N, C-alpha and C. Protein backbone atom coordinates (compact mmCIF):
# COMPACT_ATOMS: atom_id res chain seq x y z
N MET A 1 -82.91 -13.25 119.57
CA MET A 1 -81.61 -14.52 119.74
C MET A 1 -80.50 -13.61 119.52
N THR A 2 -80.71 -12.74 118.34
CA THR A 2 -79.66 -12.09 118.06
C THR A 2 -78.98 -10.76 118.93
N ASN A 3 -80.42 -10.72 119.76
CA ASN A 3 -79.91 -9.76 120.66
C ASN A 3 -79.23 -9.77 121.93
N PHE A 4 -79.31 -11.68 122.62
CA PHE A 4 -78.59 -12.19 123.12
C PHE A 4 -77.26 -12.48 122.78
N SER A 5 -76.93 -12.93 121.52
CA SER A 5 -75.74 -13.00 121.37
C SER A 5 -74.80 -11.68 120.86
N SER A 6 -75.60 -10.63 120.90
CA SER A 6 -74.76 -9.51 120.54
C SER A 6 -74.46 -9.07 121.80
N VAL A 7 -74.97 -9.26 122.95
CA VAL A 7 -74.66 -8.89 123.74
C VAL A 7 -73.81 -9.78 124.98
N ALA A 8 -74.10 -10.79 124.46
CA ALA A 8 -72.96 -11.77 124.97
C ALA A 8 -71.59 -11.85 124.24
N ALA A 9 -71.32 -11.31 123.08
CA ALA A 9 -70.35 -10.99 122.64
C ALA A 9 -69.45 -9.62 122.73
N TYR A 10 -70.30 -8.79 123.22
CA TYR A 10 -70.02 -7.53 124.01
C TYR A 10 -69.35 -7.63 125.05
N LEU A 11 -70.00 -8.48 125.96
CA LEU A 11 -69.69 -8.62 127.60
C LEU A 11 -68.23 -9.45 127.41
N LEU A 12 -68.25 -10.96 126.65
CA LEU A 12 -66.91 -11.15 125.88
C LEU A 12 -66.00 -10.33 125.85
N LYS A 13 -65.77 -9.30 124.54
CA LYS A 13 -64.87 -8.41 124.38
C LYS A 13 -64.65 -7.89 125.56
N LYS A 14 -65.33 -7.35 126.17
CA LYS A 14 -65.11 -6.39 127.37
C LYS A 14 -64.30 -6.99 128.60
N PHE A 15 -64.58 -8.53 128.61
CA PHE A 15 -64.07 -9.54 129.49
C PHE A 15 -62.57 -9.02 129.45
N TRP A 16 -62.16 -9.68 128.01
CA TRP A 16 -61.08 -10.02 127.48
C TRP A 16 -59.96 -8.76 127.60
N LEU A 17 -61.06 -7.55 127.43
CA LEU A 17 -60.02 -5.92 127.32
C LEU A 17 -59.79 -6.08 128.93
N LEU A 18 -60.49 -6.58 129.99
CA LEU A 18 -60.15 -6.08 131.36
C LEU A 18 -59.25 -6.82 131.30
N LEU A 19 -59.48 -8.24 131.07
CA LEU A 19 -57.94 -9.10 131.34
C LEU A 19 -56.79 -8.88 131.11
N ALA A 20 -56.69 -8.14 129.67
CA ALA A 20 -55.37 -8.07 129.09
C ALA A 20 -55.28 -6.77 129.76
N VAL A 21 -55.88 -5.74 130.38
CA VAL A 21 -55.01 -4.22 130.94
C VAL A 21 -54.70 -5.09 132.20
N LEU A 22 -55.39 -5.98 132.91
CA LEU A 22 -54.79 -6.50 134.33
C LEU A 22 -53.67 -7.00 134.01
N LEU A 23 -53.49 -8.11 133.31
CA LEU A 23 -52.39 -8.54 132.97
C LEU A 23 -51.22 -7.63 132.53
N VAL A 24 -51.08 -6.18 131.79
CA VAL A 24 -50.18 -5.52 131.56
C VAL A 24 -50.03 -4.75 132.89
N LEU A 25 -51.33 -4.28 133.57
CA LEU A 25 -50.89 -3.74 134.98
C LEU A 25 -50.13 -4.40 136.06
N PHE A 26 -49.93 -5.53 135.88
CA PHE A 26 -49.42 -6.63 136.91
C PHE A 26 -47.78 -6.61 135.97
N ALA A 27 -47.97 -6.44 134.69
CA ALA A 27 -46.68 -6.71 134.17
C ALA A 27 -45.72 -5.49 134.58
N LEU A 28 -46.17 -4.57 134.65
CA LEU A 28 -45.72 -3.21 134.70
C LEU A 28 -44.95 -3.00 136.26
N VAL A 29 -46.05 -3.30 137.22
CA VAL A 29 -45.98 -3.20 138.70
C VAL A 29 -44.34 -4.16 138.86
N LEU A 30 -44.47 -5.52 138.64
CA LEU A 30 -43.81 -6.56 138.30
C LEU A 30 -42.39 -6.13 137.84
N SER A 31 -42.34 -5.23 136.67
CA SER A 31 -40.78 -5.05 136.39
C SER A 31 -40.63 -3.48 136.74
N ALA A 32 -41.39 -2.90 137.92
CA ALA A 32 -40.91 -1.58 138.39
C ALA A 32 -40.33 -2.31 139.84
N ALA A 33 -41.22 -3.24 140.42
CA ALA A 33 -40.76 -3.71 141.67
C ALA A 33 -39.25 -4.74 141.31
N ARG A 34 -39.03 -4.69 139.98
CA ARG A 34 -37.76 -5.50 139.52
C ARG A 34 -36.72 -4.41 139.44
N TYR A 35 -36.83 -3.31 138.97
CA TYR A 35 -35.92 -2.11 139.08
C TYR A 35 -35.36 -1.57 140.07
N ALA A 36 -36.41 -1.58 141.00
CA ALA A 36 -36.00 -0.82 142.11
C ALA A 36 -35.89 -1.62 143.60
N LEU A 37 -35.61 -2.95 143.05
CA LEU A 37 -35.16 -3.97 144.07
C LEU A 37 -33.65 -3.15 144.41
N PRO A 38 -32.64 -3.15 143.43
CA PRO A 38 -31.17 -2.62 143.77
C PRO A 38 -31.35 -1.43 144.59
N HIS A 39 -32.55 -0.40 144.43
CA HIS A 39 -31.96 0.41 145.34
C HIS A 39 -32.79 0.51 146.90
N ILE A 40 -32.85 -0.72 147.19
CA ILE A 40 -33.46 -0.85 148.73
C ILE A 40 -32.65 -0.57 149.57
N GLU A 41 -31.11 -0.24 149.39
CA GLU A 41 -30.23 0.23 150.65
C GLU A 41 -30.56 1.17 150.90
N HIS A 42 -31.13 2.31 150.29
CA HIS A 42 -31.34 3.61 150.63
C HIS A 42 -32.57 3.82 151.45
N ASN A 43 -33.48 2.77 151.62
CA ASN A 43 -34.80 2.76 152.46
C ASN A 43 -34.70 1.54 153.41
N LYS A 44 -33.36 1.07 153.93
CA LYS A 44 -32.97 0.26 155.07
C LYS A 44 -33.97 0.61 156.25
N HIS A 45 -34.05 1.91 156.78
CA HIS A 45 -34.11 2.50 157.85
C HIS A 45 -35.38 2.37 157.89
N LEU A 46 -36.47 2.27 156.84
CA LEU A 46 -37.54 1.63 156.85
C LEU A 46 -37.94 0.64 157.50
N LEU A 47 -37.29 -0.53 157.34
CA LEU A 47 -37.14 -1.48 157.41
C LEU A 47 -36.96 -1.92 159.32
N GLU A 48 -35.69 -1.24 159.33
CA GLU A 48 -35.35 -0.94 160.73
C GLU A 48 -36.52 0.02 162.06
N ASN A 49 -36.91 0.72 161.29
CA ASN A 49 -37.62 1.33 162.15
C ASN A 49 -39.37 0.50 162.29
N TYR A 50 -39.16 -0.08 161.17
CA TYR A 50 -40.65 -1.17 161.43
C TYR A 50 -40.21 -1.95 162.52
N ILE A 51 -39.78 -2.57 162.34
CA ILE A 51 -39.12 -3.73 163.33
C ILE A 51 -38.99 -3.08 164.55
N ASN A 52 -38.23 -2.29 164.92
CA ASN A 52 -38.19 -1.31 166.41
C ASN A 52 -39.75 -0.65 166.70
N GLU A 53 -40.67 -0.17 165.97
CA GLU A 53 -41.51 0.07 166.77
C GLU A 53 -42.79 -1.11 166.71
N GLN A 54 -42.70 -2.16 166.18
CA GLN A 54 -43.35 -3.31 166.41
C GLN A 54 -43.26 -4.12 167.55
N TYR A 55 -41.89 -4.41 167.53
CA TYR A 55 -41.44 -5.15 168.66
C TYR A 55 -40.71 -4.47 170.06
N GLY A 56 -40.59 -3.40 169.30
CA GLY A 56 -39.61 -2.36 170.89
C GLY A 56 -38.25 -3.20 170.77
N VAL A 57 -37.59 -3.44 170.05
CA VAL A 57 -36.08 -3.53 170.14
C VAL A 57 -35.39 -2.80 169.03
N ASN A 58 -33.86 -2.85 169.48
CA ASN A 58 -33.08 -1.98 168.86
C ASN A 58 -32.51 -2.96 167.96
N LEU A 59 -32.75 -3.04 166.58
CA LEU A 59 -32.14 -3.59 165.84
C LEU A 59 -31.82 -2.73 164.61
N SER A 60 -30.28 -2.76 164.26
CA SER A 60 -29.47 -2.46 163.52
C SER A 60 -28.85 -2.65 162.26
N ILE A 61 -28.96 -2.41 160.90
CA ILE A 61 -28.57 -3.27 159.82
C ILE A 61 -27.52 -2.58 159.23
N GLN A 62 -26.58 -2.63 158.78
CA GLN A 62 -25.08 -2.07 157.97
C GLN A 62 -25.74 -2.18 156.66
N SER A 63 -26.17 -2.81 156.17
CA SER A 63 -26.37 -2.50 154.29
C SER A 63 -27.23 -3.69 154.05
N VAL A 64 -27.76 -3.57 152.64
CA VAL A 64 -29.06 -4.20 152.06
C VAL A 64 -28.54 -4.09 150.87
N HIS A 65 -28.70 -5.16 150.18
CA HIS A 65 -28.64 -5.23 148.62
C HIS A 65 -29.51 -6.51 148.46
N ALA A 66 -30.28 -6.07 147.03
CA ALA A 66 -31.17 -6.90 146.89
C ALA A 66 -31.35 -7.00 145.11
N VAL A 67 -31.66 -8.44 144.75
CA VAL A 67 -31.47 -8.52 143.25
C VAL A 67 -32.67 -9.41 142.87
N TRP A 68 -32.99 -9.31 141.66
CA TRP A 68 -33.93 -10.27 140.91
C TRP A 68 -33.31 -11.63 140.05
N GLN A 69 -33.49 -12.85 141.05
CA GLN A 69 -33.16 -13.53 140.26
C GLN A 69 -33.83 -14.36 139.57
N ARG A 70 -33.85 -15.79 139.28
CA ARG A 70 -34.83 -16.60 138.28
C ARG A 70 -36.53 -16.77 138.79
N ASN A 71 -36.64 -16.74 140.18
CA ASN A 71 -37.99 -17.39 141.12
C ASN A 71 -38.18 -16.15 141.92
N GLY A 72 -37.65 -15.15 142.04
CA GLY A 72 -38.09 -13.98 142.74
C GLY A 72 -36.69 -13.06 143.19
N PRO A 73 -36.75 -12.06 144.11
CA PRO A 73 -35.89 -11.33 144.87
C PRO A 73 -34.87 -12.15 145.95
N SER A 74 -33.52 -11.97 145.56
CA SER A 74 -32.59 -12.14 146.18
C SER A 74 -32.09 -11.28 147.59
N ILE A 75 -32.48 -11.33 148.88
CA ILE A 75 -32.04 -9.94 149.46
C ILE A 75 -30.53 -10.60 150.59
N VAL A 76 -29.80 -9.80 150.61
CA VAL A 76 -28.40 -9.73 151.11
C VAL A 76 -28.93 -8.95 152.68
N LEU A 77 -29.02 -9.25 153.66
CA LEU A 77 -28.69 -8.07 154.94
C LEU A 77 -27.08 -8.21 155.78
N ASN A 78 -26.47 -7.29 155.71
CA ASN A 78 -24.96 -7.50 156.26
C ASN A 78 -24.82 -6.69 157.74
N SER A 79 -24.33 -6.89 158.54
CA SER A 79 -24.07 -6.73 160.20
C SER A 79 -25.47 -6.41 160.51
N VAL A 80 -26.16 -7.40 160.76
CA VAL A 80 -27.38 -7.15 161.11
C VAL A 80 -27.07 -7.38 162.86
N SER A 81 -27.69 -6.81 163.61
CA SER A 81 -27.80 -7.01 165.28
C SER A 81 -29.00 -6.25 165.96
N LEU A 82 -29.33 -7.25 166.64
CA LEU A 82 -30.37 -7.07 167.85
C LEU A 82 -29.68 -6.91 169.37
N ALA A 83 -29.77 -5.50 169.82
CA ALA A 83 -29.36 -5.31 171.05
C ALA A 83 -30.28 -5.90 172.61
N LYS A 84 -29.66 -6.15 173.20
CA LYS A 84 -30.87 -7.00 174.08
C LYS A 84 -30.51 -5.47 175.05
N ASN A 85 -32.16 -5.66 175.56
CA ASN A 85 -32.70 -4.53 176.57
C ASN A 85 -33.97 -4.88 177.14
N ASP A 86 -34.64 -3.77 177.71
CA ASP A 86 -35.77 -4.38 178.52
C ASP A 86 -37.01 -4.84 177.73
N ALA A 87 -37.20 -4.41 176.18
CA ALA A 87 -37.77 -5.46 175.61
C ALA A 87 -37.70 -6.82 174.93
N SER A 88 -36.74 -7.25 174.89
CA SER A 88 -35.64 -8.56 174.70
C SER A 88 -34.78 -8.85 175.79
N PRO A 89 -34.81 -9.93 175.54
CA PRO A 89 -33.83 -10.75 176.52
C PRO A 89 -33.00 -11.50 175.55
N VAL A 90 -33.27 -11.46 174.32
CA VAL A 90 -32.19 -12.00 173.36
C VAL A 90 -31.07 -10.97 172.60
N ALA A 91 -30.19 -11.04 172.50
CA ALA A 91 -29.10 -10.27 171.74
C ALA A 91 -28.56 -11.16 170.35
N LEU A 92 -28.41 -10.65 169.27
CA LEU A 92 -27.74 -11.40 168.31
C LEU A 92 -27.40 -10.55 167.25
N ASP A 93 -26.29 -11.04 166.99
CA ASP A 93 -25.25 -10.35 165.79
C ASP A 93 -25.27 -11.66 164.71
N ILE A 94 -25.54 -11.18 163.52
CA ILE A 94 -25.49 -12.33 162.27
C ILE A 94 -24.30 -11.31 161.52
N ARG A 95 -23.22 -11.64 160.90
CA ARG A 95 -22.53 -11.09 159.91
C ARG A 95 -23.90 -10.85 158.37
N GLN A 96 -24.20 -11.97 157.99
CA GLN A 96 -24.59 -11.99 157.01
C GLN A 96 -26.21 -12.54 156.86
N ILE A 97 -27.08 -12.51 156.86
CA ILE A 97 -28.43 -13.08 156.07
C ILE A 97 -28.83 -12.80 154.69
N TYR A 98 -28.74 -14.63 153.96
CA TYR A 98 -28.99 -14.34 152.85
C TYR A 98 -30.34 -15.21 152.45
N VAL A 99 -31.26 -14.41 152.28
CA VAL A 99 -33.04 -14.76 151.54
C VAL A 99 -33.17 -14.65 150.37
N GLU A 100 -33.23 -16.21 149.84
CA GLU A 100 -34.08 -15.87 147.89
C GLU A 100 -35.47 -16.54 148.62
N LEU A 101 -36.17 -15.19 147.99
CA LEU A 101 -37.56 -15.42 147.80
C LEU A 101 -38.21 -16.02 146.66
N ASP A 102 -39.21 -17.39 146.61
CA ASP A 102 -39.88 -17.41 145.80
C ASP A 102 -41.13 -16.81 145.54
N PHE A 103 -41.32 -15.73 144.50
CA PHE A 103 -42.36 -14.89 144.37
C PHE A 103 -43.34 -15.43 143.66
N TRP A 104 -43.09 -16.60 142.49
CA TRP A 104 -44.55 -17.36 142.67
C TRP A 104 -45.06 -17.95 143.46
N GLU A 105 -44.59 -18.62 144.41
CA GLU A 105 -45.19 -19.73 145.26
C GLU A 105 -45.80 -18.33 146.52
N SER A 106 -45.15 -17.39 146.39
CA SER A 106 -45.26 -16.55 147.48
C SER A 106 -47.15 -16.20 147.01
N LEU A 107 -46.65 -15.59 145.89
CA LEU A 107 -48.32 -15.11 145.52
C LEU A 107 -49.25 -16.21 145.48
N ARG A 108 -48.86 -17.67 144.89
CA ARG A 108 -50.17 -18.31 144.67
C ARG A 108 -50.72 -19.02 146.46
N HIS A 109 -49.57 -18.64 147.43
CA HIS A 109 -50.10 -19.38 148.72
C HIS A 109 -50.45 -17.72 149.53
N GLN A 110 -50.20 -16.80 149.11
CA GLN A 110 -50.44 -15.51 149.76
C GLN A 110 -49.67 -15.38 151.18
N LEU A 111 -48.36 -16.02 151.07
CA LEU A 111 -47.52 -16.24 152.42
C LEU A 111 -46.35 -16.06 151.78
N ILE A 112 -45.27 -15.25 152.45
CA ILE A 112 -44.17 -15.37 152.30
C ILE A 112 -43.38 -16.60 151.92
N SER A 113 -42.69 -17.28 150.98
CA SER A 113 -42.01 -18.42 150.57
C SER A 113 -40.79 -18.07 150.29
N SER A 114 -39.61 -18.64 150.90
CA SER A 114 -38.32 -18.54 150.83
C SER A 114 -37.66 -19.99 150.34
N THR A 115 -36.88 -20.08 149.19
CA THR A 115 -36.44 -21.40 148.63
C THR A 115 -34.97 -21.47 149.59
N ARG A 116 -34.61 -20.04 150.02
CA ARG A 116 -32.79 -20.63 150.92
C ARG A 116 -32.88 -19.49 151.97
N PHE A 117 -32.68 -19.68 152.99
CA PHE A 117 -32.20 -19.18 153.77
C PHE A 117 -31.23 -19.51 154.99
N GLU A 118 -30.12 -18.10 155.01
CA GLU A 118 -29.07 -18.67 155.28
C GLU A 118 -28.46 -17.58 156.30
N LEU A 119 -28.00 -18.06 157.44
CA LEU A 119 -27.33 -17.15 158.58
C LEU A 119 -26.04 -17.51 158.55
N ARG A 120 -25.39 -16.26 158.40
CA ARG A 120 -23.69 -16.34 158.13
C ARG A 120 -22.96 -15.89 159.42
N GLY A 121 -22.28 -16.27 160.24
CA GLY A 121 -21.98 -15.73 161.42
C GLY A 121 -22.59 -14.99 162.81
N LEU A 122 -23.52 -16.51 163.13
CA LEU A 122 -24.61 -15.99 163.80
C LEU A 122 -23.60 -16.18 165.13
N LYS A 123 -24.07 -14.99 165.82
CA LYS A 123 -23.56 -14.89 167.60
C LYS A 123 -24.88 -14.62 168.41
N LEU A 124 -25.26 -15.47 169.14
CA LEU A 124 -26.52 -15.38 169.37
C LEU A 124 -26.34 -15.41 171.28
N ASP A 125 -26.92 -14.35 171.94
CA ASP A 125 -26.90 -14.47 173.71
C ASP A 125 -28.40 -14.45 174.34
N ILE A 126 -28.59 -15.09 174.95
CA ILE A 126 -30.10 -15.05 175.45
C ILE A 126 -29.93 -15.29 176.99
N ASP A 127 -30.72 -14.31 177.42
CA ASP A 127 -30.67 -14.23 178.64
C ASP A 127 -31.92 -15.32 179.68
N ALA A 128 -31.33 -16.45 179.98
CA ALA A 128 -32.27 -17.62 180.48
C ALA A 128 -33.23 -17.07 181.57
N ASP A 129 -32.35 -16.76 182.41
CA ASP A 129 -33.66 -16.18 183.92
C ASP A 129 -34.71 -14.96 183.31
N ARG A 130 -34.17 -14.17 182.53
CA ARG A 130 -35.41 -13.46 182.36
C ARG A 130 -36.38 -13.94 181.27
N LEU A 131 -35.72 -14.81 180.36
CA LEU A 131 -36.64 -15.27 179.30
C LEU A 131 -37.79 -16.30 180.12
N SER A 132 -37.29 -17.19 181.02
CA SER A 132 -37.99 -18.20 181.39
C SER A 132 -39.13 -17.40 182.77
N GLY A 133 -39.18 -15.99 183.01
CA GLY A 133 -39.68 -15.34 184.20
C GLY A 133 -41.03 -15.58 184.33
N GLY A 134 -41.75 -16.80 183.84
CA GLY A 134 -43.07 -17.15 184.15
C GLY A 134 -43.52 -16.19 183.55
N ASP A 135 -45.18 -15.89 183.81
CA ASP A 135 -46.14 -15.01 183.30
C ASP A 135 -45.49 -13.77 183.41
N LYS A 136 -44.67 -13.36 183.85
CA LYS A 136 -44.81 -11.52 184.10
C LYS A 136 -43.53 -11.05 183.16
N ASN A 137 -43.20 -12.02 182.08
CA ASN A 137 -42.46 -11.34 181.04
C ASN A 137 -43.52 -11.27 179.83
N ASN A 138 -42.97 -9.89 179.33
CA ASN A 138 -43.90 -9.25 178.40
C ASN A 138 -42.84 -9.04 177.34
N PHE A 139 -42.01 -9.88 176.42
CA PHE A 139 -41.42 -9.59 175.36
C PHE A 139 -41.52 -9.76 174.35
N PRO A 140 -41.91 -8.71 173.41
CA PRO A 140 -42.28 -8.89 171.76
C PRO A 140 -41.79 -9.83 171.05
N VAL A 141 -40.76 -9.96 171.70
CA VAL A 141 -39.83 -10.84 170.65
C VAL A 141 -40.35 -11.75 170.35
N VAL A 142 -40.17 -12.31 171.84
CA VAL A 142 -40.22 -13.80 172.34
C VAL A 142 -41.79 -13.95 171.88
N ASN A 143 -42.72 -13.11 172.16
CA ASN A 143 -44.12 -13.54 172.12
C ASN A 143 -44.60 -13.03 170.56
N ALA A 144 -43.90 -13.10 169.45
CA ALA A 144 -44.54 -12.68 168.48
C ALA A 144 -45.28 -13.62 167.55
N PRO A 145 -45.94 -12.88 167.42
CA PRO A 145 -47.14 -13.97 166.83
C PRO A 145 -46.59 -14.59 165.41
N VAL A 146 -47.09 -16.10 165.05
CA VAL A 146 -46.67 -17.09 164.32
C VAL A 146 -47.88 -17.25 163.39
N THR A 147 -47.91 -16.95 162.06
CA THR A 147 -49.20 -16.87 160.74
C THR A 147 -49.58 -17.95 160.86
N LYS A 148 -48.49 -18.69 160.46
CA LYS A 148 -48.51 -20.52 159.87
C LYS A 148 -47.43 -21.11 160.41
N PRO A 149 -47.88 -21.79 161.29
CA PRO A 149 -46.75 -22.70 161.26
C PRO A 149 -45.83 -23.72 159.79
N ARG A 150 -44.67 -24.18 160.01
CA ARG A 150 -44.10 -24.44 158.64
C ARG A 150 -42.76 -25.18 159.26
N THR A 151 -42.63 -26.18 158.22
CA THR A 151 -41.50 -27.31 158.64
C THR A 151 -40.70 -26.72 157.88
N TRP A 152 -39.54 -27.15 159.03
CA TRP A 152 -38.37 -26.95 158.37
C TRP A 152 -37.33 -27.49 158.55
N LEU A 153 -36.41 -27.53 156.97
CA LEU A 153 -35.72 -28.77 157.19
C LEU A 153 -33.87 -28.01 157.12
N ILE A 154 -33.04 -28.46 158.36
CA ILE A 154 -32.42 -28.01 158.49
C ILE A 154 -31.27 -28.46 157.09
N ALA A 155 -30.62 -27.98 156.29
CA ALA A 155 -29.72 -28.63 155.63
C ALA A 155 -28.31 -28.74 155.93
N SER A 156 -27.83 -27.65 156.59
CA SER A 156 -26.18 -27.67 156.73
C SER A 156 -26.33 -26.79 158.20
N LEU A 157 -25.63 -27.01 158.99
CA LEU A 157 -25.04 -26.40 160.44
C LEU A 157 -23.85 -26.73 160.94
N ASP A 158 -23.38 -25.33 160.68
CA ASP A 158 -21.53 -25.64 161.28
C ASP A 158 -21.16 -23.93 162.23
N MET A 159 -20.47 -23.65 162.73
CA MET A 159 -20.49 -22.74 163.96
C MET A 159 -20.40 -21.56 163.61
N THR A 160 -20.31 -21.42 161.96
CA THR A 160 -20.42 -19.91 161.07
C THR A 160 -21.66 -19.72 159.90
N THR A 161 -22.17 -20.82 159.70
CA THR A 161 -23.39 -20.64 158.65
C THR A 161 -24.46 -21.59 159.32
N LEU A 162 -25.67 -21.09 159.12
CA LEU A 162 -26.87 -21.78 159.23
C LEU A 162 -27.93 -21.77 158.24
N SER A 163 -27.82 -22.85 157.52
CA SER A 163 -28.55 -22.57 155.75
C SER A 163 -29.94 -23.98 156.59
N VAL A 164 -31.11 -23.00 156.17
CA VAL A 164 -32.31 -23.64 156.39
C VAL A 164 -33.30 -23.76 154.82
N ARG A 165 -33.90 -24.64 154.56
CA ARG A 165 -34.28 -24.96 153.07
C ARG A 165 -35.75 -25.47 153.87
N ILE A 166 -36.87 -24.54 153.27
CA ILE A 166 -38.07 -24.47 153.58
C ILE A 166 -38.56 -25.63 152.12
């Protein structure tokens, strides 16, 4: 019986040690993300390139600013424009996009969760003839996959600002 209890105590100690190490590693990764977030401006081209390659569109972002707030990162994209081309019947210009991500909610559901999403200075141009072209249209932006439908509550809408609360 003492052999079993000593093995159980040994395994329990190793379990707690593993748990402590994982907790410290998680804290280090979270701290590194918080300190690296303000430097996202230097890597905005990675986001532009990813969207351009994934959807075959011409997206440009003038500047990106990000800080860590209470519940997670807050990201501001300035002068975002999507040019109309062969891959997209939609053109848009947005003066500013403001997104507050809820880190803990996103972690819990393993899906990006936002507590605040604002579009300021939205100008949208849709070529309805090309968009409603039947089955012959193959626009990656229009046919982008939706991972999980969400219910959106529009908090306020005016000519210059669109605020969405999820």
